[in-house]
Amino acid sequence: MSDSRQVKRAVGRRVVLKGALAGAAALIARGAFAAPGDPRLSPDDPQAQALGYYEDAAEVDVAKWPKKAGPDGAQQNCVTCALYQAEADGWGGCGIFPGKLVAGAGWCNAWVPRA
């Protein structure tokens, strides 16, 4: 086989491999946040309970979750969290709960302020 044919095959394989890797990366990134139509996170979910997730931040038991009682506690909700990605109708994805939608008005103990 001539050198030019080998180069063309190698370049073609690289293009296919790069495309496959880019596609895989896109699928992985998509999985990090919920997509429209994904199920809403239930407060009864074991992970949600472990992190004190509430659909309404005003209902948080501050005795149990003192982070919410702090000086910036009134501003703490999913919408103001760095992990939240707004979707629609007041719900969005969260890096803590992949594949689930969380309430924008909600709160959990993983809350981190937006920069």
PDB file of N, CA and C in Angstrom:
ATOM      1  N   MET A   1       0.855  -1.179   0.000  1.00  0.00           N
ATOM      2  CA  MET A   1       0.000   0.000   0.000  1.00  0.00           C
ATOM      3  C   MET A   1       0.894   1.232   0.000  1.00  0.00           C
ATOM      4  N   SER A   2       0.514   2.234  -0.755  1.00  0.00           N
ATOM      5  CA  SER A   2       1.328   3.441  -0.854  1.00  0.00           C
ATOM      6  C   SER A   2       1.213   4.268   0.424  1.00  0.00           C
ATOM      7  N   ASP A   3       2.212   5.110   0.616  1.00  0.00           N
ATOM      8  CA  ASP A   3       2.233   5.963   1.810  1.00  0.00           C
ATOM      9  C   ASP A   3       1.036   6.904   1.856  1.00  0.00           C
ATOM     10  N   SER A   4       0.614   7.420   0.705  1.00  0.00           N
ATOM     11  CA  SER A   4      -0.510   8.362   0.701  1.00  0.00           C
ATOM     12  C   SER A   4      -1.813   7.680   1.107  1.00  0.00           C
ATOM     13  N   ARG A   5      -1.982   6.409   0.719  1.00  0.00           N
ATOM     14  CA  ARG A   5      -3.191   5.682   1.126  1.00  0.00           C
ATOM     15  C   ARG A   5      -3.170   5.405   2.629  1.00  0.00           C
ATOM     16  N   GLN A   6      -2.011   5.095   3.170  1.00  0.00           N
ATOM     17  CA  GLN A   6      -1.892   4.851   4.602  1.00  0.00           C
ATOM     18  C   GLN A   6      -2.201   6.127   5.389  1.00  0.00           C
ATOM     19  N   VAL A   7      -1.729   7.242   4.887  1.00  0.00           N
ATOM     20  CA  VAL A   7      -1.983   8.528   5.547  1.00  0.00           C
ATOM     21  C   VAL A   7      -3.478   8.834   5.518  1.00  0.00           C
ATOM     22  N   LYS A   8      -4.114   8.623   4.360  1.00  0.00           N
ATOM     23  CA  LYS A   8      -5.549   8.883   4.245  1.00  0.00           C
ATOM     24  C   LYS A   8      -6.338   8.000   5.198  1.00  0.00           C
ATOM     25  N   ARG A   9      -5.966   6.736   5.306  1.00  0.00           N
ATOM     26  CA  ARG A   9      -6.662   5.831   6.232  1.00  0.00           C
ATOM     27  C   ARG A   9      -6.465   6.264   7.682  1.00  0.00           C
ATOM     28  N   ALA A  10      -5.231   6.639   8.019  1.00  0.00           N
ATOM     29  CA  ALA A  10      -4.936   7.076   9.388  1.00  0.00           C
ATOM     30  C   ALA A  10      -5.716   8.339   9.734  1.00  0.00           C
ATOM     31  N   VAL A  11      -5.761   9.286   8.795  1.00  0.00           N
ATOM     32  CA  VAL A  11      -6.512  10.522   9.018  1.00  0.00           C
ATOM     33  C   VAL A  11      -7.992  10.206   9.149  1.00  0.00           C
ATOM     34  N   GLY A  12      -8.515   9.342   8.298  1.00  0.00           N
ATOM     35  CA  GLY A  12      -9.924   8.948   8.370  1.00  0.00           C
ATOM     36  C   GLY A  12     -10.270   8.303   9.701  1.00  0.00           C
ATOM     37  N   ARG A  13      -9.380   7.432  10.179  1.00  0.00           N
ATOM     38  CA  ARG A  13      -9.617   6.786  11.487  1.00  0.00           C
ATOM     39  C   ARG A  13      -9.602   7.813  12.609  1.00  0.00           C
ATOM     40  N   ARG A  14      -8.701   8.771  12.529  1.00  0.00           N
ATOM     41  CA  ARG A  14      -8.626   9.811  13.560  1.00  0.00           C
ATOM     42  C   ARG A  14      -9.901  10.640  13.593  1.00  0.00           C
ATOM     43  N   VAL A  15     -10.411  10.976  12.430  1.00  0.00           N
ATOM     44  CA  VAL A  15     -11.644  11.764  12.351  1.00  0.00           C
ATOM     45  C   VAL A  15     -12.797  10.987  12.975  1.00  0.00           C
ATOM     46  N   VAL A  16     -12.902   9.706  12.640  1.00  0.00           N
ATOM     47  CA  VAL A  16     -13.971   8.868  13.203  1.00  0.00           C
ATOM     48  C   VAL A  16     -13.803   8.755  14.713  1.00  0.00           C
ATOM     49  N   LEU A  17     -12.581   8.518  15.174  1.00  0.00           N
ATOM     50  CA  LEU A  17     -12.329   8.392  16.611  1.00  0.00           C
ATOM     51  C   LEU A  17     -12.643   9.691  17.348  1.00  0.00           C
ATOM     52  N   LYS A  18     -12.217  10.821  16.779  1.00  0.00           N
ATOM     53  CA  LYS A  18     -12.520  12.116  17.416  1.00  0.00           C
ATOM     54  C   LYS A  18     -14.026  12.355  17.481  1.00  0.00           C
ATOM     55  N   GLY A  19     -14.726  12.007  16.421  1.00  0.00           N
ATOM     56  CA  GLY A  19     -16.181  12.169  16.413  1.00  0.00           C
ATOM     57  C   GLY A  19     -16.850  11.298  17.462  1.00  0.00           C
ATOM     58  N   ALA A  20     -16.376  10.062  17.579  1.00  0.00           N
ATOM     59  CA  ALA A  20     -16.943   9.148  18.580  1.00  0.00           C
ATOM     60  C   ALA A  20     -16.675   9.657  19.992  1.00  0.00           C
ATOM     61  N   LEU A  21     -15.470  10.151  20.230  1.00  0.00           N
ATOM     62  CA  LEU A  21     -15.138  10.686  21.558  1.00  0.00           C
ATOM     63  C   LEU A  21     -15.955  11.931  21.875  1.00  0.00           C
ATOM     64  N   ALA A  22     -16.131  12.791  20.885  1.00  0.00           N
ATOM     65  CA  ALA A  22     -16.944  13.993  21.103  1.00  0.00           C
ATOM     66  C   ALA A  22     -18.389  13.615  21.402  1.00  0.00           C
ATOM     67  N   GLY A  23     -18.910  12.631  20.696  1.00  0.00           N
ATOM     68  CA  GLY A  23     -20.277  12.168  20.950  1.00  0.00           C
ATOM     69  C   GLY A  23     -20.426  11.576  22.336  1.00  0.00           C
ATOM     70  N   ALA A  24     -19.444  10.763  22.744  1.00  0.00           N
ATOM     71  CA  ALA A  24     -19.486  10.171  24.085  1.00  0.00           C
ATOM     72  C   ALA A  24     -19.414  11.252  25.157  1.00  0.00           C
ATOM     73  N   ALA A  25     -18.559  12.253  24.950  1.00  0.00           N
ATOM     74  CA  ALA A  25     -18.442  13.348  25.916  1.00  0.00           C
ATOM     75  C   ALA A  25     -19.753  14.121  26.025  1.00  0.00           C
ATOM     76  N   ALA A  26     -20.413  14.328  24.899  1.00  0.00           N
ATOM     77  CA  ALA A  26     -21.694  15.041  24.911  1.00  0.00           C
ATOM     78  C   ALA A  26     -22.747  14.253  25.683  1.00  0.00           C
ATOM     79  N   LEU A  27     -22.768  12.940  25.503  1.00  0.00           N
ATOM     80  CA  LEU A  27     -23.734  12.112  26.232  1.00  0.00           C
ATOM     81  C   LEU A  27     -23.455  12.128  27.726  1.00  0.00           C
ATOM     82  N   ILE A  28     -22.192  12.090  28.097  1.00  0.00           N
ATOM     83  CA  ILE A  28     -21.831  12.128  29.517  1.00  0.00           C
ATOM     84  C   ILE A  28     -22.218  13.479  30.108  1.00  0.00           C
ATOM     85  N   ALA A  29     -21.920  14.569  29.402  1.00  0.00           N
ATOM     86  CA  ALA A  29     -22.269  15.904  29.900  1.00  0.00           C
ATOM     87  C   ALA A  29     -23.775  16.059  30.024  1.00  0.00           C
ATOM     88  N   ARG A  30     -24.516  15.528  29.089  1.00  0.00           N
ATOM     89  CA  ARG A  30     -25.978  15.606  29.140  1.00  0.00           C
ATOM     90  C   ARG A  30     -26.510  14.880  30.367  1.00  0.00           C
ATOM     91  N   GLY A  31     -25.883  13.781  30.737  1.00  0.00           N
ATOM     92  CA  GLY A  31     -26.317  13.022  31.904  1.00  0.00           C
ATOM     93  C   GLY A  31     -26.076  13.743  33.210  1.00  0.00           C
ATOM     94  N   ALA A  32     -25.198  14.745  33.216  1.00  0.00           N
ATOM     95  CA  ALA A  32     -24.908  15.477  34.442  1.00  0.00           C
ATOM     96  C   ALA A  32     -26.061  16.372  34.867  1.00  0.00           C
ATOM     97  N   PHE A  33     -26.920  16.736  33.942  1.00  0.00           N
ATOM     98  CA  PHE A  33     -28.062  17.588  34.248  1.00  0.00           C
ATOM     99  C   PHE A  33     -29.324  16.966  33.679  1.00  0.00           C
ATOM    100  N   ALA A  34     -30.422  17.213  34.329  1.00  0.00           N
ATOM    101  CA  ALA A  34     -31.692  16.653  33.877  1.00  0.00           C
ATOM    102  C   ALA A  34     -32.142  17.334  32.594  1.00  0.00           C
ATOM    103  N   ALA A  35     -32.824  16.608  31.778  1.00  0.00           N
ATOM    104  CA  ALA A  35     -33.378  17.147  30.541  1.00  0.00           C
ATOM    105  C   ALA A  35     -34.880  17.299  30.710  1.00  0.00           C
ATOM    106  N   PRO A  36     -35.512  18.168  29.891  1.00  0.00           N
ATOM    107  CA  PRO A  36     -36.960  18.309  30.000  1.00  0.00           C
ATOM    108  C   PRO A  36     -37.638  16.947  29.878  1.00  0.00           C
ATOM    109  N   GLY A  37     -38.609  16.716  30.704  1.00  0.00           N
ATOM    110  CA  GLY A  37     -39.323  15.451  30.676  1.00  0.00           C
ATOM    111  C   GLY A  37     -38.785  14.439  31.667  1.00  0.00           C
ATOM    112  N   ASP A  38     -37.631  14.707  32.268  1.00  0.00           N
ATOM    113  CA  ASP A  38     -37.094  13.800  33.271  1.00  0.00           C
ATOM    114  C   ASP A  38     -37.967  13.863  34.524  1.00  0.00           C
ATOM    115  N   PRO A  39     -37.967  12.806  35.292  1.00  0.00           N
ATOM    116  CA  PRO A  39     -38.806  12.798  36.498  1.00  0.00           C
ATOM    117  C   PRO A  39     -38.335  13.809  37.546  1.00  0.00           C
ATOM    118  N   ARG A  40     -39.304  14.318  38.262  1.00  0.00           N
ATOM    119  CA  ARG A  40     -38.993  15.253  39.347  1.00  0.00           C
ATOM    120  C   ARG A  40     -38.482  14.476  40.553  1.00  0.00           C
ATOM    121  N   LEU A  41     -37.533  15.062  41.234  1.00  0.00           N
ATOM    122  CA  LEU A  41     -36.975  14.453  42.431  1.00  0.00           C
ATOM    123  C   LEU A  41     -38.015  14.460  43.538  1.00  0.00           C
ATOM    124  N   SER A  42     -38.237  13.318  44.138  1.00  0.00           N
ATOM    125  CA  SER A  42     -39.165  13.217  45.255  1.00  0.00           C
ATOM    126  C   SER A  42     -38.425  13.495  46.560  1.00  0.00           C
ATOM    127  N   PRO A  43     -39.006  14.268  47.457  1.00  0.00           N
ATOM    128  CA  PRO A  43     -38.391  14.462  48.767  1.00  0.00           C
ATOM    129  C   PRO A  43     -38.237  13.149  49.531  1.00  0.00           C
ATOM    130  N   ASP A  44     -38.960  12.108  49.108  1.00  0.00           N
ATOM    131  CA  ASP A  44     -38.862  10.800  49.752  1.00  0.00           C
ATOM    132  C   ASP A  44     -37.711   9.958  49.223  1.00  0.00           C
ATOM    133  N   ASP A  45     -37.048  10.407  48.149  1.00  0.00           N
ATOM    134  CA  ASP A  45     -35.897   9.707  47.591  1.00  0.00           C
ATOM    135  C   ASP A  45     -34.808   9.623  48.671  1.00  0.00           C
ATOM    136  N   PRO A  46     -34.164   8.462  48.845  1.00  0.00           N
ATOM    137  CA  PRO A  46     -33.151   8.330  49.903  1.00  0.00           C
ATOM    138  C   PRO A  46     -32.024   9.368  49.824  1.00  0.00           C
ATOM    139  N   GLN A  47     -31.550   9.671  48.625  1.00  0.00           N
ATOM    140  CA  GLN A  47     -30.497  10.679  48.491  1.00  0.00           C
ATOM    141  C   GLN A  47     -31.034  12.067  48.836  1.00  0.00           C
ATOM    142  N   ALA A  48     -32.261  12.351  48.434  1.00  0.00           N
ATOM    143  CA  ALA A  48     -32.881  13.636  48.760  1.00  0.00           C
ATOM    144  C   ALA A  48     -33.029  13.783  50.273  1.00  0.00           C
ATOM    145  N   GLN A  49     -33.436  12.735  50.944  1.00  0.00           N
ATOM    146  CA  GLN A  49     -33.579  12.786  52.398  1.00  0.00           C
ATOM    147  C   GLN A  49     -32.231  12.964  53.080  1.00  0.00           C
ATOM    148  N   ALA A  50     -31.207  12.287  52.561  1.00  0.00           N
ATOM    149  CA  ALA A  50     -29.878  12.392  53.159  1.00  0.00           C
ATOM    150  C   ALA A  50     -29.330  13.813  53.069  1.00  0.00           C
ATOM    151  N   LEU A  51     -29.723  14.530  52.015  1.00  0.00           N
ATOM    152  CA  LEU A  51     -29.249  15.902  51.832  1.00  0.00           C
ATOM    153  C   LEU A  51     -30.273  16.952  52.246  1.00  0.00           C
ATOM    154  N   GLY A  52     -31.371  16.525  52.839  1.00  0.00           N
ATOM    155  CA  GLY A  52     -32.375  17.465  53.338  1.00  0.00           C
ATOM    156  C   GLY A  52     -33.090  18.231  52.247  1.00  0.00           C
ATOM    157  N   TYR A  53     -33.365  17.588  51.098  1.00  0.00           N
ATOM    158  CA  TYR A  53     -34.039  18.268  49.993  1.00  0.00           C
ATOM    159  C   TYR A  53     -35.497  18.555  50.330  1.00  0.00           C
ATOM    160  N   TYR A  54     -35.878  19.795  50.101  1.00  0.00           N
ATOM    161  CA  TYR A  54     -37.261  20.248  50.241  1.00  0.00           C
ATOM    162  C   TYR A  54     -37.651  20.910  48.932  1.00  0.00           C
ATOM    163  N   GLU A  55     -38.872  20.714  48.483  1.00  0.00           N
ATOM    164  CA  GLU A  55     -39.345  21.383  47.273  1.00  0.00           C
ATOM    165  C   GLU A  55     -39.628  22.858  47.524  1.00  0.00           C
ATOM    166  N   ASP A  56     -39.828  23.228  48.784  1.00  0.00           N
ATOM    167  CA  ASP A  56     -40.070  24.614  49.168  1.00  0.00           C
ATOM    168  C   ASP A  56     -39.075  24.978  50.271  1.00  0.00           C
ATOM    169  N   ALA A  57     -38.131  25.865  49.965  1.00  0.00           N
ATOM    170  CA  ALA A  57     -37.083  26.235  50.916  1.00  0.00           C
ATOM    171  C   ALA A  57     -37.647  26.826  52.208  1.00  0.00           C
ATOM    172  N   ALA A  58     -38.846  27.394  52.151  1.00  0.00           N
ATOM    173  CA  ALA A  58     -39.457  27.980  53.347  1.00  0.00           C
ATOM    174  C   ALA A  58     -39.847  26.912  54.370  1.00  0.00           C
ATOM    175  N   GLU A  59     -39.931  25.654  53.948  1.00  0.00           N
ATOM    176  CA  GLU A  59     -40.339  24.567  54.839  1.00  0.00           C
ATOM    177  C   GLU A  59     -39.165  23.847  55.511  1.00  0.00           C
ATOM    178  N   VAL A  60     -37.937  24.271  55.229  1.00  0.00           N
ATOM    179  CA  VAL A  60     -36.753  23.603  55.776  1.00  0.00           C
ATOM    180  C   VAL A  60     -36.738  23.690  57.294  1.00  0.00           C
ATOM    181  N   ASP A  61     -36.486  22.574  57.948  1.00  0.00           N
ATOM    182  CA  ASP A  61     -36.357  22.515  59.403  1.00  0.00           C
ATOM    183  C   ASP A  61     -34.953  23.017  59.749  1.00  0.00           C
ATOM    184  N   VAL A  62     -34.848  24.289  60.143  1.00  0.00           N
ATOM    185  CA  VAL A  62     -33.540  24.882  60.397  1.00  0.00           C
ATOM    186  C   VAL A  62     -32.855  24.311  61.640  1.00  0.00           C
ATOM    187  N   ALA A  63     -33.610  23.689  62.521  1.00  0.00           N
ATOM    188  CA  ALA A  63     -32.993  23.019  63.663  1.00  0.00           C
ATOM    189  C   ALA A  63     -32.220  21.785  63.177  1.00  0.00           C
ATOM    190  N   LYS A  64     -32.762  21.111  62.194  1.00  0.00           N
ATOM    191  CA  LYS A  64     -32.119  19.910  61.638  1.00  0.00           C
ATOM    192  C   LYS A  64     -31.041  20.293  60.614  1.00  0.00           C
ATOM    193  N   TRP A  65     -31.251  21.385  59.896  1.00  0.00           N
ATOM    194  CA  TRP A  65     -30.348  21.832  58.840  1.00  0.00           C
ATOM    195  C   TRP A  65     -29.888  23.260  59.142  1.00  0.00           C
ATOM    196  N   PRO A  66     -28.945  23.432  60.085  1.00  0.00           N
ATOM    197  CA  PRO A  66     -28.529  24.772  60.525  1.00  0.00           C
ATOM    198  C   PRO A  66     -27.899  25.634  59.425  1.00  0.00           C
ATOM    199  N   LYS A  67     -27.395  25.013  58.372  1.00  0.00           N
ATOM    200  CA  LYS A  67     -26.833  25.796  57.260  1.00  0.00           C
ATOM    201  C   LYS A  67     -27.885  26.765  56.714  1.00  0.00           C
ATOM    202  N   LYS A  68     -29.129  26.331  56.670  1.00  0.00           N
ATOM    203  CA  LYS A  68     -30.235  27.156  56.167  1.00  0.00           C
ATOM    204  C   LYS A  68     -30.548  28.299  57.131  1.00  0.00           C
ATOM    205  N   ALA A  69     -30.180  28.148  58.407  1.00  0.00           N
ATOM    206  CA  ALA A  69     -30.455  29.180  59.409  1.00  0.00           C
ATOM    207  C   ALA A  69     -29.379  30.260  59.432  1.00  0.00           C
ATOM    208  N   GLY A  70     -28.316  30.083  58.657  1.00  0.00           N
ATOM    209  CA  GLY A  70     -27.207  31.034  58.648  1.00  0.00           C
ATOM    210  C   GLY A  70     -27.616  32.411  58.155  1.00  0.00           C
ATOM    211  N   PRO A  71     -26.655  33.339  58.132  1.00  0.00           N
ATOM    212  CA  PRO A  71     -26.955  34.720  57.752  1.00  0.00           C
ATOM    213  C   PRO A  71     -27.501  34.875  56.335  1.00  0.00           C
ATOM    214  N   ASP A  72     -27.115  33.986  55.442  1.00  0.00           N
ATOM    215  CA  ASP A  72     -27.630  34.069  54.072  1.00  0.00           C
ATOM    216  C   ASP A  72     -28.724  33.035  53.817  1.00  0.00           C
ATOM    217  N   GLY A  73     -29.254  32.450  54.873  1.00  0.00           N
ATOM    218  CA  GLY A  73     -30.255  31.394  54.755  1.00  0.00           C
ATOM    219  C   GLY A  73     -31.504  31.782  53.998  1.00  0.00           C
ATOM    220  N   ALA A  74     -31.938  33.000  54.146  1.00  0.00           N
ATOM    221  CA  ALA A  74     -33.161  33.448  53.464  1.00  0.00           C
ATOM    222  C   ALA A  74     -32.996  33.462  51.946  1.00  0.00           C
ATOM    223  N   GLN A  75     -31.763  33.644  51.477  1.00  0.00           N
ATOM    224  CA  GLN A  75     -31.513  33.669  50.030  1.00  0.00           C
ATOM    225  C   GLN A  75     -31.192  32.281  49.468  1.00  0.00           C
ATOM    226  N   GLN A  76     -31.086  31.272  50.339  1.00  0.00           N
ATOM    227  CA  GLN A  76     -30.721  29.938  49.878  1.00  0.00           C
ATOM    228  C   GLN A  76     -31.921  29.199  49.297  1.00  0.00           C
ATOM    229  N   ASN A  77     -31.866  28.939  48.010  1.00  0.00           N
ATOM    230  CA  ASN A  77     -32.808  28.044  47.346  1.00  0.00           C
ATOM    231  C   ASN A  77     -32.126  27.538  46.081  1.00  0.00           C
ATOM    232  N   CYS A  78     -32.721  26.596  45.412  1.00  0.00           N
ATOM    233  CA  CYS A  78     -32.074  25.978  44.257  1.00  0.00           C
ATOM    234  C   CYS A  78     -31.730  26.992  43.165  1.00  0.00           C
ATOM    235  N   VAL A  79     -32.585  27.974  42.948  1.00  0.00           N
ATOM    236  CA  VAL A  79     -32.340  28.967  41.900  1.00  0.00           C
ATOM    237  C   VAL A  79     -31.050  29.740  42.157  1.00  0.00           C
ATOM    238  N   THR A  80     -30.689  29.962  43.412  1.00  0.00           N
ATOM    239  CA  THR A  80     -29.486  30.719  43.730  1.00  0.00           C
ATOM    240  C   THR A  80     -28.270  29.821  43.948  1.00  0.00           C
ATOM    241  N   CYS A  81     -28.415  28.536  43.671  1.00  0.00           N
ATOM    242  CA  CYS A  81     -27.334  27.567  43.878  1.00  0.00           C
ATOM    243  C   CYS A  81     -26.502  27.411  42.599  1.00  0.00           C
ATOM    244  N   ALA A  82     -25.199  27.291  42.753  1.00  0.00           N
ATOM    245  CA  ALA A  82     -24.291  27.122  41.615  1.00  0.00           C
ATOM    246  C   ALA A  82     -24.499  25.791  40.901  1.00  0.00           C
ATOM    247  N   LEU A  83     -25.118  24.829  41.546  1.00  0.00           N
ATOM    248  CA  LEU A  83     -25.310  23.496  40.962  1.00  0.00           C
ATOM    249  C   LEU A  83     -26.591  23.381  40.139  1.00  0.00           C
ATOM    250  N   TYR A  84     -27.422  24.403  40.180  1.00  0.00           N
ATOM    251  CA  TYR A  84     -28.742  24.369  39.543  1.00  0.00           C
ATOM    252  C   TYR A  84     -28.680  24.874  38.105  1.00  0.00           C
ATOM    253  N   GLN A  85     -29.362  24.170  37.206  1.00  0.00           N
ATOM    254  CA  GLN A  85     -29.488  24.573  35.801  1.00  0.00           C
ATOM    255  C   GLN A  85     -30.974  24.678  35.473  1.00  0.00           C
ATOM    256  N   ALA A  86     -31.483  25.889  35.334  1.00  0.00           N
ATOM    257  CA  ALA A  86     -32.911  26.111  35.093  1.00  0.00           C
ATOM    258  C   ALA A  86     -33.364  25.431  33.809  1.00  0.00           C
ATOM    259  N   GLU A  87     -34.537  24.828  33.860  1.00  0.00           N
ATOM    260  CA  GLU A  87     -35.146  24.188  32.687  1.00  0.00           C
ATOM    261  C   GLU A  87     -36.416  24.968  32.343  1.00  0.00           C
ATOM    262  N   ALA A  88     -37.553  24.547  32.896  1.00  0.00           N
ATOM    263  CA  ALA A  88     -38.827  25.205  32.604  1.00  0.00           C
ATOM    264  C   ALA A  88     -39.786  25.000  33.762  1.00  0.00           C
ATOM    265  N   ASP A  89     -40.769  25.878  33.841  1.00  0.00           N
ATOM    266  CA  ASP A  89     -41.835  25.769  34.845  1.00  0.00           C
ATOM    267  C   ASP A  89     -41.309  25.713  36.279  1.00  0.00           C
ATOM    268  N   GLY A  90     -40.204  26.416  36.557  1.00  0.00           N
ATOM    269  CA  GLY A  90     -39.687  26.471  37.919  1.00  0.00           C
ATOM    270  C   GLY A  90     -38.912  25.240  38.346  1.00  0.00           C
ATOM    271  N   TRP A  91     -38.573  24.375  37.431  1.00  0.00           N
ATOM    272  CA  TRP A  91     -37.817  23.153  37.725  1.00  0.00           C
ATOM    273  C   TRP A  91     -36.542  23.152  36.901  1.00  0.00           C
ATOM    274  N   GLY A  92     -35.522  22.451  37.379  1.00  0.00           N
ATOM    275  CA  GLY A  92     -34.275  22.387  36.638  1.00  0.00           C
ATOM    276  C   GLY A  92     -33.412  21.237  37.093  1.00  0.00           C
ATOM    277  N   GLY A  93     -32.306  21.081  36.404  1.00  0.00           N
ATOM    278  CA  GLY A  93     -31.365  20.016  36.720  1.00  0.00           C
ATOM    279  C   GLY A  93     -30.424  20.426  37.835  1.00  0.00           C
ATOM    280  N   CYS A  94     -29.840  19.435  38.460  1.00  0.00           N
ATOM    281  CA  CYS A  94     -28.889  19.662  39.543  1.00  0.00           C
ATOM    282  C   CYS A  94     -27.771  18.636  39.433  1.00  0.00           C
ATOM    283  N   GLY A  95     -26.541  19.084  39.571  1.00  0.00           N
ATOM    284  CA  GLY A  95     -25.401  18.188  39.508  1.00  0.00           C
ATOM    285  C   GLY A  95     -25.374  17.162  40.628  1.00  0.00           C
ATOM    286  N   ILE A  96     -26.074  17.411  41.712  1.00  0.00           N
ATOM    287  CA  ILE A  96     -26.130  16.476  42.835  1.00  0.00           C
ATOM    288  C   ILE A  96     -27.124  15.353  42.573  1.00  0.00           C
ATOM    289  N   PHE A  97     -28.171  15.641  41.811  1.00  0.00           N
ATOM    290  CA  PHE A  97     -29.225  14.667  41.530  1.00  0.00           C
ATOM    291  C   PHE A  97     -29.349  14.446  40.015  1.00  0.00           C
ATOM    292  N   PRO A  98     -28.357  13.801  39.390  1.00  0.00           N
ATOM    293  CA  PRO A  98     -28.407  13.629  37.937  1.00  0.00           C
ATOM    294  C   PRO A  98     -29.634  12.842  37.491  1.00  0.00           C
ATOM    295  N   GLY A  99     -30.219  13.288  36.380  1.00  0.00           N
ATOM    296  CA  GLY A  99     -31.384  12.611  35.832  1.00  0.00           C
ATOM    297  C   GLY A  99     -32.690  12.988  36.497  1.00  0.00           C
ATOM    298  N   LYS A 100     -32.650  13.886  37.455  1.00  0.00           N
ATOM    299  CA  LYS A 100     -33.857  14.327  38.163  1.00  0.00           C
ATOM    300  C   LYS A 100     -33.992  15.837  38.039  1.00  0.00           C
ATOM    301  N   LEU A 101     -35.213  16.309  38.108  1.00  0.00           N
ATOM    302  CA  LEU A 101     -35.473  17.746  38.147  1.00  0.00           C
ATOM    303  C   LEU A 101     -35.755  18.148  39.583  1.00  0.00           C
ATOM    304  N   VAL A 102     -35.203  19.280  39.992  1.00  0.00           N
ATOM    305  CA  VAL A 102     -35.450  19.791  41.335  1.00  0.00           C
ATOM    306  C   VAL A 102     -36.222  21.101  41.224  1.00  0.00           C
ATOM    307  N   ALA A 103     -36.956  21.426  42.265  1.00  0.00           N
ATOM    308  CA  ALA A 103     -37.747  22.655  42.285  1.00  0.00           C
ATOM    309  C   ALA A 103     -36.831  23.858  42.446  1.00  0.00           C
ATOM    310  N   GLY A 104     -37.032  24.883  41.633  1.00  0.00           N
ATOM    311  CA  GLY A 104     -36.245  26.104  41.753  1.00  0.00           C
ATOM    312  C   GLY A 104     -36.410  26.753  43.115  1.00  0.00           C
ATOM    313  N   ALA A 105     -37.583  26.585  43.704  1.00  0.00           N
ATOM    314  CA  ALA A 105     -37.865  27.143  45.025  1.00  0.00           C
ATOM    315  C   ALA A 105     -37.386  26.219  46.145  1.00  0.00           C
ATOM    316  N   GLY A 106     -36.785  25.099  45.770  1.00  0.00           N
ATOM    317  CA  GLY A 106     -36.350  24.100  46.747  1.00  0.00           C
ATOM    318  C   GLY A 106     -35.027  24.439  47.410  1.00  0.00           C
ATOM    319  N   TRP A 107     -34.562  23.489  48.232  1.00  0.00           N
ATOM    320  CA  TRP A 107     -33.299  23.651  48.953  1.00  0.00           C
ATOM    321  C   TRP A 107     -32.782  22.282  49.351  1.00  0.00           C
ATOM    322  N   CYS A 108     -31.455  22.141  49.418  1.00  0.00           N
ATOM    323  CA  CYS A 108     -30.829  20.966  50.046  1.00  0.00           C
ATOM    324  C   CYS A 108     -29.528  21.412  50.684  1.00  0.00           C
ATOM    325  N   ASN A 109     -28.960  20.578  51.503  1.00  0.00           N
ATOM    326  CA  ASN A 109     -27.773  20.918  52.259  1.00  0.00           C
ATOM    327  C   ASN A 109     -26.514  21.039  51.383  1.00  0.00           C
ATOM    328  N   ALA A 110     -26.604  20.678  50.117  1.00  0.00           N
ATOM    329  CA  ALA A 110     -25.469  20.825  49.194  1.00  0.00           C
ATOM    330  C   ALA A 110     -25.460  22.216  48.557  1.00  0.00           C
ATOM    331  N   TRP A 111     -26.352  23.101  48.980  1.00  0.00           N
ATOM    332  CA  TRP A 111     -26.454  24.442  48.383  1.00  0.00           C
ATOM    333  C   TRP A 111     -25.107  25.146  48.419  1.00  0.00           C
ATOM    334  N   VAL A 112     -24.729  25.720  47.258  1.00  0.00           N
ATOM    335  CA  VAL A 112     -23.503  26.485  47.115  1.00  0.00           C
ATOM    336  C   VAL A 112     -23.862  27.785  46.398  1.00  0.00           C
ATOM    337  N   PRO A 113     -23.433  28.943  46.907  1.00  0.00           N
ATOM    338  CA  PRO A 113     -23.825  30.201  46.250  1.00  0.00           C
ATOM    339  C   PRO A 113     -23.239  30.322  44.844  1.00  0.00           C
ATOM    340  N   ARG A 114     -24.000  30.946  43.979  1.00  0.00           N
ATOM    341  CA  ARG A 114     -23.497  31.226  42.622  1.00  0.00           C
ATOM    342  C   ARG A 114     -22.380  32.265  42.741  1.00  0.00           C
ATOM    343  N   ALA A 115     -21.401  32.108  41.895  1.00  0.00           N
ATOM    344  CA  ALA A 115     -20.264  33.059  41.919  1.00  0.00           C
ATOM    345  C   ALA A 115     -20.630  34.358  41.255  1.00  0.00           C
TER     346      ALA A 115
END
